[in-house]
N, C-alpha and C. Protein backbone atom coordinates (compact mmCIF):
# COMPACT_ATOMS: atom_id res chain seq x y z
N UNK A 1 33.94 -28.00 -7.74
CA UNK A 1 32.78 -27.66 -6.93
C UNK A 1 31.74 -28.76 -7.06
N UNK A 2 31.63 -29.54 -6.05
CA UNK A 2 30.64 -30.61 -6.06
C UNK A 2 29.47 -30.26 -5.16
N UNK A 3 29.08 -29.02 -5.16
CA UNK A 3 27.96 -28.61 -4.33
C UNK A 3 26.69 -28.52 -5.16
N UNK A 4 25.63 -28.17 -4.51
CA UNK A 4 24.34 -28.06 -5.20
C UNK A 4 24.32 -26.89 -6.18
N UNK A 5 25.17 -25.89 -5.94
CA UNK A 5 25.20 -24.71 -6.78
C UNK A 5 26.21 -24.81 -7.92
N UNK A 6 26.86 -25.93 -8.10
CA UNK A 6 27.91 -26.06 -9.11
C UNK A 6 27.36 -25.88 -10.52
N UNK A 7 26.15 -26.32 -10.78
CA UNK A 7 25.60 -26.23 -12.13
C UNK A 7 24.99 -24.90 -12.47
N UNK A 8 24.73 -24.04 -11.49
CA UNK A 8 24.04 -22.79 -11.77
C UNK A 8 24.95 -21.58 -11.80
N UNK A 9 26.14 -21.68 -11.35
CA UNK A 9 27.07 -20.57 -11.39
C UNK A 9 26.89 -19.61 -10.23
N UNK A 10 27.70 -18.57 -10.21
CA UNK A 10 27.70 -17.62 -9.10
C UNK A 10 26.42 -16.79 -9.08
N UNK A 11 25.96 -16.36 -10.25
CA UNK A 11 24.74 -15.55 -10.31
C UNK A 11 23.54 -16.38 -9.85
N UNK A 12 23.48 -17.62 -10.29
CA UNK A 12 22.39 -18.51 -9.89
C UNK A 12 22.42 -18.78 -8.40
N UNK A 13 23.62 -18.97 -7.86
CA UNK A 13 23.75 -19.21 -6.42
C UNK A 13 23.29 -17.99 -5.63
N UNK A 14 23.65 -16.82 -6.11
CA UNK A 14 23.21 -15.59 -5.45
C UNK A 14 21.69 -15.45 -5.53
N UNK A 15 21.12 -15.79 -6.68
CA UNK A 15 19.67 -15.75 -6.84
C UNK A 15 18.99 -16.71 -5.87
N UNK A 16 19.51 -17.93 -5.77
CA UNK A 16 18.93 -18.90 -4.83
C UNK A 16 19.08 -18.43 -3.38
N UNK A 17 20.17 -17.81 -3.06
CA UNK A 17 20.39 -17.29 -1.70
C UNK A 17 19.37 -16.19 -1.39
N UNK A 18 19.12 -15.32 -2.34
CA UNK A 18 18.11 -14.27 -2.15
C UNK A 18 16.73 -14.88 -2.00
N UNK A 19 16.41 -15.89 -2.79
CA UNK A 19 15.11 -16.56 -2.65
C UNK A 19 14.95 -17.20 -1.27
N UNK A 20 16.01 -17.81 -0.77
CA UNK A 20 15.95 -18.43 0.56
C UNK A 20 15.73 -17.37 1.63
N UNK A 21 16.43 -16.24 1.51
CA UNK A 21 16.25 -15.16 2.49
C UNK A 21 14.84 -14.59 2.44
N UNK A 22 14.30 -14.42 1.24
CA UNK A 22 12.93 -13.93 1.11
C UNK A 22 11.93 -14.95 1.64
N UNK A 23 12.19 -16.22 1.42
CA UNK A 23 11.31 -17.28 1.90
C UNK A 23 11.18 -17.24 3.42
N UNK A 24 12.25 -16.82 4.08
CA UNK A 24 12.24 -16.74 5.55
C UNK A 24 11.65 -15.42 6.04
N UNK A 25 12.04 -14.30 5.43
CA UNK A 25 11.69 -12.99 5.98
C UNK A 25 10.29 -12.51 5.60
N UNK A 26 9.81 -12.83 4.41
CA UNK A 26 8.51 -12.32 3.97
C UNK A 26 7.38 -12.78 4.89
N UNK A 27 7.28 -14.06 5.25
CA UNK A 27 6.21 -14.45 6.18
C UNK A 27 6.29 -13.75 7.54
N UNK A 28 7.50 -13.49 8.01
CA UNK A 28 7.65 -12.78 9.29
C UNK A 28 7.10 -11.37 9.16
N UNK A 29 7.43 -10.68 8.08
CA UNK A 29 6.93 -9.32 7.89
C UNK A 29 5.43 -9.30 7.68
N UNK A 30 4.90 -10.27 6.97
CA UNK A 30 3.45 -10.34 6.78
C UNK A 30 2.76 -10.54 8.12
N UNK A 31 3.29 -11.41 8.95
CA UNK A 31 2.72 -11.64 10.28
C UNK A 31 2.77 -10.36 11.12
N UNK A 32 3.90 -9.68 11.12
CA UNK A 32 4.03 -8.47 11.93
C UNK A 32 3.10 -7.36 11.43
N UNK A 33 2.99 -7.21 10.13
CA UNK A 33 2.12 -6.18 9.57
C UNK A 33 0.66 -6.49 9.86
N UNK A 34 0.25 -7.75 9.72
CA UNK A 34 -1.14 -8.11 10.00
C UNK A 34 -1.46 -7.93 11.48
N UNK A 35 -0.52 -8.21 12.34
CA UNK A 35 -0.72 -8.01 13.78
C UNK A 35 -0.91 -6.52 14.08
N UNK A 36 -0.11 -5.68 13.46
CA UNK A 36 -0.21 -4.23 13.66
C UNK A 36 -1.53 -3.69 13.12
N UNK A 37 -1.96 -4.18 11.96
CA UNK A 37 -3.22 -3.73 11.37
C UNK A 37 -4.39 -4.11 12.27
N UNK A 38 -4.37 -5.32 12.82
CA UNK A 38 -5.43 -5.73 13.75
C UNK A 38 -5.44 -4.84 14.99
N UNK A 39 -4.27 -4.49 15.48
CA UNK A 39 -4.16 -3.62 16.65
C UNK A 39 -4.75 -2.24 16.34
N UNK A 40 -4.44 -1.69 15.18
CA UNK A 40 -4.96 -0.38 14.79
C UNK A 40 -6.48 -0.45 14.62
N UNK A 41 -6.98 -1.54 14.02
CA UNK A 41 -8.43 -1.71 13.86
C UNK A 41 -9.13 -1.76 15.21
N UNK A 42 -8.56 -2.50 16.16
CA UNK A 42 -9.15 -2.59 17.50
C UNK A 42 -9.14 -1.23 18.20
N UNK A 43 -8.07 -0.46 18.01
CA UNK A 43 -8.03 0.88 18.59
C UNK A 43 -9.11 1.77 17.98
N UNK A 44 -9.32 1.66 16.68
CA UNK A 44 -10.37 2.44 16.01
C UNK A 44 -11.75 2.11 16.55
N UNK A 45 -12.01 0.84 16.75
CA UNK A 45 -13.31 0.42 17.30
C UNK A 45 -13.47 0.95 18.73
N UNK A 46 -12.41 0.88 19.50
CA UNK A 46 -12.46 1.38 20.88
C UNK A 46 -12.69 2.89 20.92
N UNK A 47 -11.99 3.62 20.06
CA UNK A 47 -12.15 5.07 20.02
C UNK A 47 -13.56 5.46 19.56
N UNK A 48 -14.10 4.69 18.61
CA UNK A 48 -15.45 4.98 18.14
C UNK A 48 -16.46 4.83 19.27
N UNK A 49 -16.29 3.82 20.11
CA UNK A 49 -17.18 3.63 21.26
C UNK A 49 -17.04 4.80 22.25
N UNK A 50 -15.82 5.24 22.49
CA UNK A 50 -15.59 6.35 23.40
C UNK A 50 -16.20 7.64 22.86
N UNK A 51 -16.08 7.86 21.56
CA UNK A 51 -16.66 9.06 20.95
C UNK A 51 -18.17 9.04 21.06
N UNK A 52 -18.80 7.87 20.86
CA UNK A 52 -20.24 7.78 21.01
C UNK A 52 -20.65 8.10 22.45
N UNK A 53 -19.88 7.62 23.40
CA UNK A 53 -20.17 7.89 24.81
C UNK A 53 -20.03 9.38 25.11
N UNK A 54 -18.99 10.01 24.57
CA UNK A 54 -18.80 11.44 24.77
C UNK A 54 -19.93 12.25 24.13
N UNK A 55 -20.37 11.85 22.94
CA UNK A 55 -21.46 12.54 22.28
C UNK A 55 -22.75 12.43 23.09
N UNK A 56 -22.99 11.25 23.66
CA UNK A 56 -24.17 11.08 24.50
C UNK A 56 -24.08 11.97 25.74
N UNK A 57 -22.91 12.11 26.32
CA UNK A 57 -22.74 12.96 27.49
C UNK A 57 -22.97 14.43 27.13
N UNK A 58 -22.46 14.84 25.98
CA UNK A 58 -22.65 16.23 25.54
C UNK A 58 -24.13 16.51 25.29
N UNK A 59 -24.83 15.58 24.66
CA UNK A 59 -26.27 15.76 24.43
C UNK A 59 -27.03 15.86 25.75
N UNK A 60 -26.67 15.04 26.72
CA UNK A 60 -27.31 15.08 28.03
C UNK A 60 -27.06 16.43 28.70
N UNK A 61 -25.82 16.90 28.65
CA UNK A 61 -25.50 18.19 29.27
C UNK A 61 -26.22 19.34 28.58
N UNK A 62 -26.32 19.29 27.24
CA UNK A 62 -27.05 20.33 26.51
C UNK A 62 -28.52 20.35 26.92
N UNK A 63 -29.11 19.14 27.03
CA UNK A 63 -30.51 19.05 27.41
C UNK A 63 -30.72 19.61 28.81
N UNK A 64 -29.85 19.26 29.75
CA UNK A 64 -29.96 19.78 31.12
C UNK A 64 -29.80 21.29 31.15
N UNK A 65 -28.86 21.80 30.36
CA UNK A 65 -28.63 23.24 30.32
C UNK A 65 -29.86 23.95 29.74
N UNK A 66 -30.41 23.42 28.65
CA UNK A 66 -31.60 24.03 28.05
C UNK A 66 -32.80 23.97 28.99
N UNK A 67 -32.93 22.89 29.75
CA UNK A 67 -34.02 22.78 30.71
C UNK A 67 -33.86 23.80 31.84
N UNK A 68 -32.64 24.04 32.25
CA UNK A 68 -32.41 25.00 33.33
C UNK A 68 -32.67 26.44 32.85
N UNK A 69 -32.47 26.72 31.59
CA UNK A 69 -32.73 28.05 31.06
C UNK A 69 -34.24 28.25 30.87
N UNK A 70 -34.95 27.21 30.45
CA UNK A 70 -36.38 27.30 30.15
C UNK A 70 -37.24 27.49 31.40
N UNK A 71 -36.75 27.13 32.54
CA UNK A 71 -37.56 27.27 33.76
C UNK A 71 -37.61 28.74 34.15
N UNK A 72 -38.81 29.30 34.16
CA UNK A 72 -38.91 30.73 34.56
C UNK A 72 -38.72 30.86 36.07
N UNK A 73 -38.01 31.89 36.45
CA UNK A 73 -37.75 32.13 37.86
C UNK A 73 -38.75 33.16 38.35
N UNK A 74 -39.40 32.85 39.44
CA UNK A 74 -40.41 33.76 39.98
C UNK A 74 -39.93 34.48 41.20
């Protein structure tokens, strides 16, 4: 065996193969996870804005309803 793995044996070659696979796959998974986290964060910000808008609409409707009740009918 005149290859690069001749001096490290079968266990060492397997270890190096696993390191090479991790070297390739870990950055891909980190990229995909960070992309997903950013997407979830953006959705949270968007939902928070929508909830604030809905709360403002509910307050407006409550105020209008209370004003309509307070007006005495003659």
